[in-house]
């Protein structure tokens, strides 16, 4: 199947951003460090899984926005990712768990950020 440009699918952009924010927040709650080294690979994995394409510069911008949201905006929006609830953020195959309240709040924050 051919890949589509993610810029043509606005909801996909919000979902990708949410995935990156959730990954960063989960990693931070487990390591107490902001591990940005996983953002590039997480972005590639999500895009490949969803048969979407994004220009490299746009991936960098999304990574920077995800870090900003995870570091500065989650707490202000009343979203806390604790070590005890990291597993609930994702499904068994590491996709977002859309039934999780924290993910629902993150997705709304990401939509607003775009």
PDB file of N, CA and C in Angstrom:
ATOM      1  N   UNK A   1       0.840  -1.177   0.000  1.00  0.00           N
ATOM      2  CA  UNK A   1       0.000   0.000   0.000  1.00  0.00           C
ATOM      3  C   UNK A   1       0.889   1.247   0.000  1.00  0.00           C
ATOM      4  N   UNK A   2       0.565   2.193  -0.814  1.00  0.00           N
ATOM      5  CA  UNK A   2       1.334   3.433  -0.908  1.00  0.00           C
ATOM      6  C   UNK A   2       1.088   4.287   0.329  1.00  0.00           C
ATOM      7  N   UNK A   3       2.107   5.015   0.709  1.00  0.00           N
ATOM      8  CA  UNK A   3       1.981   5.907   1.858  1.00  0.00           C
ATOM      9  C   UNK A   3       1.318   7.205   1.435  1.00  0.00           C
ATOM     10  N   UNK A   4       0.497   7.746   2.329  1.00  0.00           N
ATOM     11  CA  UNK A   4      -0.137   9.042   2.105  1.00  0.00           C
ATOM     12  C   UNK A   4       0.627  10.095   2.887  1.00  0.00           C
ATOM     13  N   UNK A   5       0.551  11.318   2.412  1.00  0.00           N
ATOM     14  CA  UNK A   5       1.160  12.436   3.123  1.00  0.00           C
ATOM     15  C   UNK A   5       0.298  12.762   4.337  1.00  0.00           C
ATOM     16  N   UNK A   6       0.912  12.791   5.514  1.00  0.00           N
ATOM     17  CA  UNK A   6       0.168  13.041   6.749  1.00  0.00           C
ATOM     18  C   UNK A   6      -0.486  14.417   6.750  1.00  0.00           C
ATOM     19  N   UNK A   7       0.023  15.346   5.963  1.00  0.00           N
ATOM     20  CA  UNK A   7      -0.572  16.680   5.905  1.00  0.00           C
ATOM     21  C   UNK A   7      -1.970  16.662   5.299  1.00  0.00           C
ATOM     22  N   UNK A   8      -2.311  15.568   4.625  1.00  0.00           N
ATOM     23  CA  UNK A   8      -3.637  15.438   4.030  1.00  0.00           C
ATOM     24  C   UNK A   8      -4.661  14.886   5.027  1.00  0.00           C
ATOM     25  N   UNK A   9      -4.210  14.454   6.193  1.00  0.00           N
ATOM     26  CA  UNK A   9      -5.089  13.810   7.176  1.00  0.00           C
ATOM     27  C   UNK A   9      -4.895  14.513   8.520  1.00  0.00           C
ATOM     28  N   UNK A  10      -5.726  15.519   8.809  1.00  0.00           N
ATOM     29  CA  UNK A  10      -5.514  16.356   9.997  1.00  0.00           C
ATOM     30  C   UNK A  10      -5.640  15.591  11.308  1.00  0.00           C
ATOM     31  N   UNK A  11      -6.584  14.655  11.412  1.00  0.00           N
ATOM     32  CA  UNK A  11      -6.724  13.894  12.661  1.00  0.00           C
ATOM     33  C   UNK A  11      -5.485  13.034  12.901  1.00  0.00           C
ATOM     34  N   UNK A  12      -4.886  12.549  11.835  1.00  0.00           N
ATOM     35  CA  UNK A  12      -3.671  11.748  11.977  1.00  0.00           C
ATOM     36  C   UNK A  12      -2.539  12.587  12.576  1.00  0.00           C
ATOM     37  N   UNK A  13      -2.476  13.844  12.229  1.00  0.00           N
ATOM     38  CA  UNK A  13      -1.449  14.729  12.794  1.00  0.00           C
ATOM     39  C   UNK A  13      -1.623  14.842  14.304  1.00  0.00           C
ATOM     40  N   UNK A  14      -2.856  14.998  14.761  1.00  0.00           N
ATOM     41  CA  UNK A  14      -3.119  15.089  16.196  1.00  0.00           C
ATOM     42  C   UNK A  14      -2.789  13.771  16.889  1.00  0.00           C
ATOM     43  N   UNK A  15      -3.113  12.659  16.246  1.00  0.00           N
ATOM     44  CA  UNK A  15      -2.824  11.356  16.838  1.00  0.00           C
ATOM     45  C   UNK A  15      -1.317  11.101  16.920  1.00  0.00           C
ATOM     46  N   UNK A  16      -0.586  11.481  15.868  1.00  0.00           N
ATOM     47  CA  UNK A  16       0.870  11.340  15.911  1.00  0.00           C
ATOM     48  C   UNK A  16       1.451  12.195  17.024  1.00  0.00           C
ATOM     49  N   UNK A  17       1.034  13.433  17.113  1.00  0.00           N
ATOM     50  CA  UNK A  17       1.535  14.318  18.159  1.00  0.00           C
ATOM     51  C   UNK A  17       1.217  13.742  19.532  1.00  0.00           C
ATOM     52  N   UNK A  18       0.024  13.233  19.710  1.00  0.00           N
ATOM     53  CA  UNK A  18      -0.366  12.628  20.982  1.00  0.00           C
ATOM     54  C   UNK A  18       0.513  11.414  21.299  1.00  0.00           C
ATOM     55  N   UNK A  19       0.788  10.604  20.289  1.00  0.00           N
ATOM     56  CA  UNK A  19       1.656   9.436  20.476  1.00  0.00           C
ATOM     57  C   UNK A  19       3.042   9.860  20.955  1.00  0.00           C
ATOM     58  N   UNK A  20       3.573  10.904  20.342  1.00  0.00           N
ATOM     59  CA  UNK A  20       4.901  11.386  20.732  1.00  0.00           C
ATOM     60  C   UNK A  20       4.882  11.976  22.144  1.00  0.00           C
ATOM     61  N   UNK A  21       3.855  12.739  22.471  1.00  0.00           N
ATOM     62  CA  UNK A  21       3.730  13.319  23.817  1.00  0.00           C
ATOM     63  C   UNK A  21       3.600  12.202  24.848  1.00  0.00           C
ATOM     64  N   UNK A  22       2.769  11.219  24.562  1.00  0.00           N
ATOM     65  CA  UNK A  22       2.577  10.103  25.497  1.00  0.00           C
ATOM     66  C   UNK A  22       3.870   9.319  25.689  1.00  0.00           C
ATOM     67  N   UNK A  23       4.596   9.109  24.602  1.00  0.00           N
ATOM     68  CA  UNK A  23       5.869   8.392  24.688  1.00  0.00           C
ATOM     69  C   UNK A  23       6.874   9.167  25.534  1.00  0.00           C
ATOM     70  N   UNK A  24       6.971  10.468  25.299  1.00  0.00           N
ATOM     71  CA  UNK A  24       7.875  11.305  26.091  1.00  0.00           C
ATOM     72  C   UNK A  24       7.482  11.328  27.568  1.00  0.00           C
ATOM     73  N   UNK A  25       6.194  11.511  27.833  1.00  0.00           N
ATOM     74  CA  UNK A  25       5.720  11.575  29.219  1.00  0.00           C
ATOM     75  C   UNK A  25       5.918  10.243  29.929  1.00  0.00           C
ATOM     76  N   UNK A  26       5.656   9.149  29.231  1.00  0.00           N
ATOM     77  CA  UNK A  26       5.849   7.824  29.825  1.00  0.00           C
ATOM     78  C   UNK A  26       7.321   7.589  30.142  1.00  0.00           C
ATOM     79  N   UNK A  27       8.177   7.909  29.192  1.00  0.00           N
ATOM     80  CA  UNK A  27       9.616   7.749  29.400  1.00  0.00           C
ATOM     81  C   UNK A  27      10.093   8.600  30.573  1.00  0.00           C
ATOM     82  N   UNK A  28       9.590   9.830  30.655  1.00  0.00           N
ATOM     83  CA  UNK A  28       9.990  10.717  31.757  1.00  0.00           C
ATOM     84  C   UNK A  28       9.535  10.161  33.105  1.00  0.00           C
ATOM     85  N   UNK A  29       8.343   9.631  33.158  1.00  0.00           N
ATOM     86  CA  UNK A  29       7.863   9.109  34.438  1.00  0.00           C
ATOM     87  C   UNK A  29       8.649   7.880  34.876  1.00  0.00           C
ATOM     88  N   UNK A  30       9.212   7.146  33.935  1.00  0.00           N
ATOM     89  CA  UNK A  30       9.987   5.951  34.268  1.00  0.00           C
ATOM     90  C   UNK A  30      11.458   6.244  34.549  1.00  0.00           C
ATOM     91  N   UNK A  31      12.024   7.242  33.856  1.00  0.00           N
ATOM     92  CA  UNK A  31      13.467   7.505  33.976  1.00  0.00           C
ATOM     93  C   UNK A  31      13.797   8.813  34.691  1.00  0.00           C
ATOM     94  N   UNK A  32      12.807   9.689  34.830  1.00  0.00           N
ATOM     95  CA  UNK A  32      12.984  11.034  35.401  1.00  0.00           C
ATOM     96  C   UNK A  32      13.923  11.893  34.560  1.00  0.00           C
ATOM     97  N   UNK A  33      13.994  11.562  33.258  1.00  0.00           N
ATOM     98  CA  UNK A  33      14.773  12.331  32.292  1.00  0.00           C
ATOM     99  C   UNK A  33      13.907  12.550  31.057  1.00  0.00           C
ATOM    100  N   UNK A  34      14.147  13.656  30.377  1.00  0.00           N
ATOM    101  CA  UNK A  34      13.455  13.901  29.115  1.00  0.00           C
ATOM    102  C   UNK A  34      14.278  13.261  28.011  1.00  0.00           C
ATOM    103  N   UNK A  35      13.909  12.049  27.602  1.00  0.00           N
ATOM    104  CA  UNK A  35      14.642  11.256  26.618  1.00  0.00           C
ATOM    105  C   UNK A  35      14.136  11.560  25.217  1.00  0.00           C
ATOM    106  N   UNK A  36      14.773  12.499  24.567  1.00  0.00           N
ATOM    107  CA  UNK A  36      14.325  12.879  23.232  1.00  0.00           C
ATOM    108  C   UNK A  36      14.880  11.960  22.144  1.00  0.00           C
ATOM    109  N   UNK A  37      15.825  11.098  22.511  1.00  0.00           N
ATOM    110  CA  UNK A  37      16.413  10.210  21.519  1.00  0.00           C
ATOM    111  C   UNK A  37      15.404   9.213  20.950  1.00  0.00           C
ATOM    112  N   UNK A  38      14.323   8.958  21.662  1.00  0.00           N
ATOM    113  CA  UNK A  38      13.306   8.023  21.190  1.00  0.00           C
ATOM    114  C   UNK A  38      12.275   8.678  20.273  1.00  0.00           C
ATOM    115  N   UNK A  39      12.242   9.985  20.234  1.00  0.00           N
ATOM    116  CA  UNK A  39      11.194  10.691  19.483  1.00  0.00           C
ATOM    117  C   UNK A  39      11.288  10.399  17.990  1.00  0.00           C
ATOM    118  N   UNK A  40      12.473  10.429  17.438  1.00  0.00           N
ATOM    119  CA  UNK A  40      12.641  10.194  15.998  1.00  0.00           C
ATOM    120  C   UNK A  40      12.178   8.791  15.639  1.00  0.00           C
ATOM    121  N   UNK A  41      12.618   7.806  16.404  1.00  0.00           N
ATOM    122  CA  UNK A  41      12.229   6.426  16.106  1.00  0.00           C
ATOM    123  C   UNK A  41      10.742   6.203  16.349  1.00  0.00           C
ATOM    124  N   UNK A  42      10.195   6.791  17.405  1.00  0.00           N
ATOM    125  CA  UNK A  42       8.760   6.665  17.677  1.00  0.00           C
ATOM    126  C   UNK A  42       7.945   7.255  16.535  1.00  0.00           C
ATOM    127  N   UNK A  43       8.395   8.367  16.005  1.00  0.00           N
ATOM    128  CA  UNK A  43       7.716   9.001  14.877  1.00  0.00           C
ATOM    129  C   UNK A  43       7.759   8.084  13.658  1.00  0.00           C
ATOM    130  N   UNK A  44       8.909   7.537  13.360  1.00  0.00           N
ATOM    131  CA  UNK A  44       9.035   6.624  12.215  1.00  0.00           C
ATOM    132  C   UNK A  44       8.132   5.405  12.370  1.00  0.00           C
ATOM    133  N   UNK A  45       8.119   4.831  13.568  1.00  0.00           N
ATOM    134  CA  UNK A  45       7.295   3.651  13.829  1.00  0.00           C
ATOM    135  C   UNK A  45       5.822   3.977  13.615  1.00  0.00           C
ATOM    136  N   UNK A  46       5.365   5.101  14.177  1.00  0.00           N
ATOM    137  CA  UNK A  46       3.951   5.468  14.063  1.00  0.00           C
ATOM    138  C   UNK A  46       3.578   5.718  12.605  1.00  0.00           C
ATOM    139  N   UNK A  47       4.415   6.440  11.888  1.00  0.00           N
ATOM    140  CA  UNK A  47       4.137   6.735  10.484  1.00  0.00           C
ATOM    141  C   UNK A  47       4.083   5.451   9.653  1.00  0.00           C
ATOM    142  N   UNK A  48       5.031   4.574   9.864  1.00  0.00           N
ATOM    143  CA  UNK A  48       5.070   3.314   9.118  1.00  0.00           C
ATOM    144  C   UNK A  48       3.830   2.464   9.439  1.00  0.00           C
ATOM    145  N   UNK A  49       3.478   2.377  10.717  1.00  0.00           N
ATOM    146  CA  UNK A  49       2.321   1.588  11.143  1.00  0.00           C
ATOM    147  C   UNK A  49       1.024   2.116  10.518  1.00  0.00           C
ATOM    148  N   UNK A  50       0.957   3.416  10.300  1.00  0.00           N
ATOM    149  CA  UNK A  50      -0.249   4.030   9.759  1.00  0.00           C
ATOM    150  C   UNK A  50      -0.155   4.341   8.264  1.00  0.00           C
ATOM    151  N   UNK A  51       0.880   3.832   7.631  1.00  0.00           N
ATOM    152  CA  UNK A  51       1.103   4.023   6.187  1.00  0.00           C
ATOM    153  C   UNK A  51       1.039   5.489   5.790  1.00  0.00           C
ATOM    154  N   UNK A  52       1.709   6.320   6.582  1.00  0.00           N
ATOM    155  CA  UNK A  52       1.754   7.753   6.323  1.00  0.00           C
ATOM    156  C   UNK A  52       3.190   8.206   6.152  1.00  0.00           C
ATOM    157  N   UNK A  53       3.357   9.360   5.522  1.00  0.00           N
ATOM    158  CA  UNK A  53       4.666   9.930   5.263  1.00  0.00           C
ATOM    159  C   UNK A  53       4.695  11.352   5.782  1.00  0.00           C
ATOM    160  N   UNK A  54       5.875  11.747   6.294  1.00  0.00           N
ATOM    161  CA  UNK A  54       6.058  13.124   6.746  1.00  0.00           C
ATOM    162  C   UNK A  54       7.489  13.539   6.417  1.00  0.00           C
ATOM    163  N   UNK A  55       7.645  14.712   5.872  1.00  0.00           N
ATOM    164  CA  UNK A  55       8.950  15.285   5.565  1.00  0.00           C
ATOM    165  C   UNK A  55       9.816  15.304   6.825  1.00  0.00           C
ATOM    166  N   UNK A  56      11.116  15.142   6.677  1.00  0.00           N
ATOM    167  CA  UNK A  56      12.008  15.062   7.832  1.00  0.00           C
ATOM    168  C   UNK A  56      11.984  16.328   8.681  1.00  0.00           C
ATOM    169  N   UNK A  57      11.899  17.487   8.028  1.00  0.00           N
ATOM    170  CA  UNK A  57      11.882  18.737   8.777  1.00  0.00           C
ATOM    171  C   UNK A  57      10.596  18.850   9.608  1.00  0.00           C
ATOM    172  N   UNK A  58       9.495  18.400   9.032  1.00  0.00           N
ATOM    173  CA  UNK A  58       8.229  18.402   9.765  1.00  0.00           C
ATOM    174  C   UNK A  58       8.295  17.432  10.954  1.00  0.00           C
ATOM    175  N   UNK A  59       8.993  16.311  10.790  1.00  0.00           N
ATOM    176  CA  UNK A  59       9.168  15.366  11.916  1.00  0.00           C
ATOM    177  C   UNK A  59       9.952  16.025  13.042  1.00  0.00           C
ATOM    178  N   UNK A  60      10.962  16.807  12.681  1.00  0.00           N
ATOM    179  CA  UNK A  60      11.739  17.532  13.695  1.00  0.00           C
ATOM    180  C   UNK A  60      10.849  18.527  14.425  1.00  0.00           C
ATOM    181  N   UNK A  61      10.053  19.273  13.669  1.00  0.00           N
ATOM    182  CA  UNK A  61       9.131  20.248  14.281  1.00  0.00           C
ATOM    183  C   UNK A  61       8.129  19.560  15.210  1.00  0.00           C
ATOM    184  N   UNK A  62       7.592  18.428  14.768  1.00  0.00           N
ATOM    185  CA  UNK A  62       6.646  17.689  15.602  1.00  0.00           C
ATOM    186  C   UNK A  62       7.322  17.199  16.881  1.00  0.00           C
ATOM    187  N   UNK A  63       8.549  16.745  16.756  1.00  0.00           N
ATOM    188  CA  UNK A  63       9.293  16.298  17.938  1.00  0.00           C
ATOM    189  C   UNK A  63       9.500  17.426  18.927  1.00  0.00           C
ATOM    190  N   UNK A  64       9.839  18.599  18.412  1.00  0.00           N
ATOM    191  CA  UNK A  64      10.021  19.763  19.284  1.00  0.00           C
ATOM    192  C   UNK A  64       8.710  20.170  19.946  1.00  0.00           C
ATOM    193  N   UNK A  65       7.618  20.152  19.206  1.00  0.00           N
ATOM    194  CA  UNK A  65       6.316  20.491  19.758  1.00  0.00           C
ATOM    195  C   UNK A  65       5.895  19.460  20.808  1.00  0.00           C
ATOM    196  N   UNK A  66       6.139  18.196  20.528  1.00  0.00           N
ATOM    197  CA  UNK A  66       5.802  17.135  21.488  1.00  0.00           C
ATOM    198  C   UNK A  66       6.562  17.322  22.793  1.00  0.00           C
ATOM    199  N   UNK A  67       7.841  17.649  22.704  1.00  0.00           N
ATOM    200  CA  UNK A  67       8.638  17.876  23.902  1.00  0.00           C
ATOM    201  C   UNK A  67       8.117  19.071  24.679  1.00  0.00           C
ATOM    202  N   UNK A  68       7.794  20.149  23.976  1.00  0.00           N
ATOM    203  CA  UNK A  68       7.243  21.334  24.634  1.00  0.00           C
ATOM    204  C   UNK A  68       5.950  20.994  25.363  1.00  0.00           C
ATOM    205  N   UNK A  69       5.057  20.285  24.682  1.00  0.00           N
ATOM    206  CA  UNK A  69       3.787  19.917  25.309  1.00  0.00           C
ATOM    207  C   UNK A  69       4.005  19.006  26.519  1.00  0.00           C
ATOM    208  N   UNK A  70       4.872  18.031  26.371  1.00  0.00           N
ATOM    209  CA  UNK A  70       5.112  17.089  27.467  1.00  0.00           C
ATOM    210  C   UNK A  70       5.747  17.779  28.670  1.00  0.00           C
ATOM    211  N   UNK A  71       6.704  18.669  28.414  1.00  0.00           N
ATOM    212  CA  UNK A  71       7.426  19.333  29.510  1.00  0.00           C
ATOM    213  C   UNK A  71       6.634  20.453  30.161  1.00  0.00           C
ATOM    214  N   UNK A  72       5.890  21.205  29.361  1.00  0.00           N
ATOM    215  CA  UNK A  72       5.306  22.445  29.875  1.00  0.00           C
ATOM    216  C   UNK A  72       3.791  22.476  29.933  1.00  0.00           C
ATOM    217  N   UNK A  73       3.127  21.764  29.060  1.00  0.00           N
ATOM    218  CA  UNK A  73       1.682  21.923  28.926  1.00  0.00           C
ATOM    219  C   UNK A  73       0.854  20.867  29.657  1.00  0.00           C
ATOM    220  N   UNK A  74       1.382  19.666  29.818  1.00  0.00           N
ATOM    221  CA  UNK A  74       0.588  18.603  30.439  1.00  0.00           C
ATOM    222  C   UNK A  74       0.151  18.967  31.851  1.00  0.00           C
ATOM    223  N   UNK A  75       1.099  19.392  32.650  1.00  0.00           N
ATOM    224  CA  UNK A  75       0.783  19.726  34.036  1.00  0.00           C
ATOM    225  C   UNK A  75      -0.257  20.846  34.113  1.00  0.00           C
ATOM    226  N   UNK A  76      -0.087  21.871  33.297  1.00  0.00           N
ATOM    227  CA  UNK A  76      -1.022  22.990  33.281  1.00  0.00           C
ATOM    228  C   UNK A  76      -2.417  22.579  32.843  1.00  0.00           C
ATOM    229  N   UNK A  77      -2.511  21.505  32.061  1.00  0.00           N
ATOM    230  CA  UNK A  77      -3.809  21.001  31.605  1.00  0.00           C
ATOM    231  C   UNK A  77      -4.383  19.961  32.565  1.00  0.00           C
ATOM    232  N   UNK A  78      -3.697  19.767  33.689  1.00  0.00           N
ATOM    233  CA  UNK A  78      -4.179  18.805  34.675  1.00  0.00           C
ATOM    234  C   UNK A  78      -3.941  17.359  34.281  1.00  0.00           C
ATOM    235  N   UNK A  79      -2.932  17.133  33.447  1.00  0.00           N
ATOM    236  CA  UNK A  79      -2.616  15.785  32.990  1.00  0.00           C
ATOM    237  C   UNK A  79      -1.327  15.329  33.668  1.00  0.00           C
ATOM    238  N   UNK A  80      -1.435  14.279  34.461  1.00  0.00           N
ATOM    239  CA  UNK A  80      -0.274  13.732  35.147  1.00  0.00           C
ATOM    240  C   UNK A  80      -0.043  12.300  34.685  1.00  0.00           C
ATOM    241  N   UNK A  81       1.177  12.007  34.285  1.00  0.00           N
ATOM    242  CA  UNK A  81       1.540  10.647  33.900  1.00  0.00           C
ATOM    243  C   UNK A  81       2.447  10.104  34.999  1.00  0.00           C
ATOM    244  N   UNK A  82       1.898   9.180  35.749  1.00  0.00           N
ATOM    245  CA  UNK A  82       2.648   8.570  36.839  1.00  0.00           C
ATOM    246  C   UNK A  82       3.177   7.210  36.404  1.00  0.00           C
ATOM    247  N   UNK A  83       4.219   6.784  37.058  1.00  0.00           N
ATOM    248  CA  UNK A  83       4.818   5.496  36.734  1.00  0.00           C
ATOM    249  C   UNK A  83       3.766   4.383  36.789  1.00  0.00           C
ATOM    250  N   UNK A  84       2.848   4.474  37.723  1.00  0.00           N
ATOM    251  CA  UNK A  84       1.840   3.433  37.892  1.00  0.00           C
ATOM    252  C   UNK A  84       0.812   3.378  36.759  1.00  0.00           C
ATOM    253  N   UNK A  85       0.660   4.459  35.992  1.00  0.00           N
ATOM    254  CA  UNK A  85      -0.333   4.424  34.907  1.00  0.00           C
ATOM    255  C   UNK A  85       0.270   4.455  33.505  1.00  0.00           C
ATOM    256  N   UNK A  86       1.572   4.302  33.388  1.00  0.00           N
ATOM    257  CA  UNK A  86       2.229   4.306  32.076  1.00  0.00           C
ATOM    258  C   UNK A  86       1.682   3.190  31.194  1.00  0.00           C
ATOM    259  N   UNK A  87       1.539   2.010  31.743  1.00  0.00           N
ATOM    260  CA  UNK A  87       1.087   0.870  30.952  1.00  0.00           C
ATOM    261  C   UNK A  87      -0.312   1.094  30.380  1.00  0.00           C
ATOM    262  N   UNK A  88      -1.154   1.827  31.081  1.00  0.00           N
ATOM    263  CA  UNK A  88      -2.523   2.075  30.625  1.00  0.00           C
ATOM    264  C   UNK A  88      -2.582   3.009  29.415  1.00  0.00           C
ATOM    265  N   UNK A  89      -1.499   3.748  29.146  1.00  0.00           N
ATOM    266  CA  UNK A  89      -1.488   4.686  28.027  1.00  0.00           C
ATOM    267  C   UNK A  89      -1.460   3.984  26.675  1.00  0.00           C
ATOM    268  N   UNK A  90      -0.930   2.765  26.664  1.00  0.00           N
ATOM    269  CA  UNK A  90      -0.698   2.054  25.405  1.00  0.00           C
ATOM    270  C   UNK A  90      -1.374   0.687  25.419  1.00  0.00           C
ATOM    271  N   UNK A  91      -1.668   0.204  24.219  1.00  0.00           N
ATOM    272  CA  UNK A  91      -2.201  -1.147  24.072  1.00  0.00           C
ATOM    273  C   UNK A  91      -1.026  -2.124  24.097  1.00  0.00           C
ATOM    274  N   UNK A  92      -1.323  -3.392  24.019  1.00  0.00           N
ATOM    275  CA  UNK A  92      -0.276  -4.414  24.028  1.00  0.00           C
ATOM    276  C   UNK A  92       0.704  -4.295  22.882  1.00  0.00           C
ATOM    277  N   UNK A  93       0.265  -3.735  21.754  1.00  0.00           N
ATOM    278  CA  UNK A  93       1.174  -3.566  20.618  1.00  0.00           C
ATOM    279  C   UNK A  93       1.684  -2.127  20.494  1.00  0.00           C
ATOM    280  N   UNK A  94       1.702  -1.420  21.629  1.00  0.00           N
ATOM    281  CA  UNK A  94       2.272  -0.075  21.748  1.00  0.00           C
ATOM    282  C   UNK A  94       1.580   0.978  20.874  1.00  0.00           C
ATOM    283  N   UNK A  95       0.283   0.855  20.722  1.00  0.00           N
ATOM    284  CA  UNK A  95      -0.495   1.919  20.111  1.00  0.00           C
ATOM    285  C   UNK A  95      -1.197   2.662  21.240  1.00  0.00           C
ATOM    286  N   UNK A  96      -1.669   3.868  20.961  1.00  0.00           N
ATOM    287  CA  UNK A  96      -2.365   4.624  21.992  1.00  0.00           C
ATOM    288  C   UNK A  96      -3.624   3.894  22.422  1.00  0.00           C
ATOM    289  N   UNK A  97      -3.873   3.913  23.726  1.00  0.00           N
ATOM    290  CA  UNK A  97      -5.089   3.328  24.289  1.00  0.00           C
ATOM    291  C   UNK A  97      -6.129   4.440  24.375  1.00  0.00           C
ATOM    292  N   UNK A  98      -6.965   4.538  23.350  1.00  0.00           N
ATOM    293  CA  UNK A  98      -7.918   5.637  23.265  1.00  0.00           C
ATOM    294  C   UNK A  98      -9.024   5.566  24.313  1.00  0.00           C
ATOM    295  N   UNK A  99      -9.121   4.471  25.043  1.00  0.00           N
ATOM    296  CA  UNK A  99     -10.107   4.381  26.119  1.00  0.00           C
ATOM    297  C   UNK A  99      -9.566   4.950  27.436  1.00  0.00           C
ATOM    298  N   UNK A 100      -8.282   5.237  27.480  1.00  0.00           N
ATOM    299  CA  UNK A 100      -7.633   5.790  28.674  1.00  0.00           C
ATOM    300  C   UNK A 100      -7.952   7.287  28.794  1.00  0.00           C
ATOM    301  N   UNK A 101      -8.405   7.698  29.958  1.00  0.00           N
ATOM    302  CA  UNK A 101      -8.767   9.104  30.194  1.00  0.00           C
ATOM    303  C   UNK A 101      -7.589  10.037  29.946  1.00  0.00           C
ATOM    304  N   UNK A 102      -6.404   9.646  30.365  1.00  0.00           N
ATOM    305  CA  UNK A 102      -5.221  10.483  30.168  1.00  0.00           C
ATOM    306  C   UNK A 102      -4.954  10.694  28.677  1.00  0.00           C
ATOM    307  N   UNK A 103      -5.098   9.641  27.880  1.00  0.00           N
ATOM    308  CA  UNK A 103      -4.889   9.758  26.435  1.00  0.00           C
ATOM    309  C   UNK A 103      -5.955  10.665  25.819  1.00  0.00           C
ATOM    310  N   UNK A 104      -7.185  10.544  26.267  1.00  0.00           N
ATOM    311  CA  UNK A 104      -8.247  11.419  25.754  1.00  0.00           C
ATOM    312  C   UNK A 104      -7.914  12.884  26.014  1.00  0.00           C
ATOM    313  N   UNK A 105      -7.421  13.185  27.213  1.00  0.00           N
ATOM    314  CA  UNK A 105      -7.043  14.559  27.554  1.00  0.00           C
ATOM    315  C   UNK A 105      -5.843  15.012  26.737  1.00  0.00           C
ATOM    316  N   UNK A 106      -4.854  14.136  26.578  1.00  0.00           N
ATOM    317  CA  UNK A 106      -3.668  14.465  25.780  1.00  0.00           C
ATOM    318  C   UNK A 106      -4.049  14.750  24.338  1.00  0.00           C
ATOM    319  N   UNK A 107      -4.929  13.926  23.788  1.00  0.00           N
ATOM    320  CA  UNK A 107      -5.337  14.104  22.397  1.00  0.00           C
ATOM    321  C   UNK A 107      -6.041  15.447  22.206  1.00  0.00           C
ATOM    322  N   UNK A 108      -6.871  15.824  23.153  1.00  0.00           N
ATOM    323  CA  UNK A 108      -7.532  17.133  23.077  1.00  0.00           C
ATOM    324  C   UNK A 108      -6.498  18.259  23.126  1.00  0.00           C
ATOM    325  N   UNK A 109      -5.505  18.137  23.993  1.00  0.00           N
ATOM    326  CA  UNK A 109      -4.434  19.128  24.094  1.00  0.00           C
ATOM    327  C   UNK A 109      -3.652  19.207  22.785  1.00  0.00           C
ATOM    328  N   UNK A 110      -3.382  18.065  22.194  1.00  0.00           N
ATOM    329  CA  UNK A 110      -2.636  18.034  20.934  1.00  0.00           C
ATOM    330  C   UNK A 110      -3.439  18.643  19.792  1.00  0.00           C
ATOM    331  N   UNK A 111      -4.720  18.362  19.755  1.00  0.00           N
ATOM    332  CA  UNK A 111      -5.569  18.977  18.712  1.00  0.00           C
ATOM    333  C   UNK A 111      -5.528  20.488  18.835  1.00  0.00           C
ATOM    334  N   UNK A 112      -5.624  20.974  20.071  1.00  0.00           N
ATOM    335  CA  UNK A 112      -5.587  22.421  20.298  1.00  0.00           C
ATOM    336  C   UNK A 112      -4.244  23.018  19.903  1.00  0.00           C
ATOM    337  N   UNK A 113      -3.183  22.285  20.090  1.00  0.00           N
ATOM    338  CA  UNK A 113      -1.835  22.782  19.778  1.00  0.00           C
ATOM    339  C   UNK A 113      -1.601  22.904  18.288  1.00  0.00           C
ATOM    340  N   UNK A 114      -2.349  22.156  17.517  1.00  0.00           N
ATOM    341  CA  UNK A 114      -2.185  22.207  16.064  1.00  0.00           C
ATOM    342  C   UNK A 114      -3.062  23.288  15.473  1.00  0.00           C
TER     343      UNK A 114
END
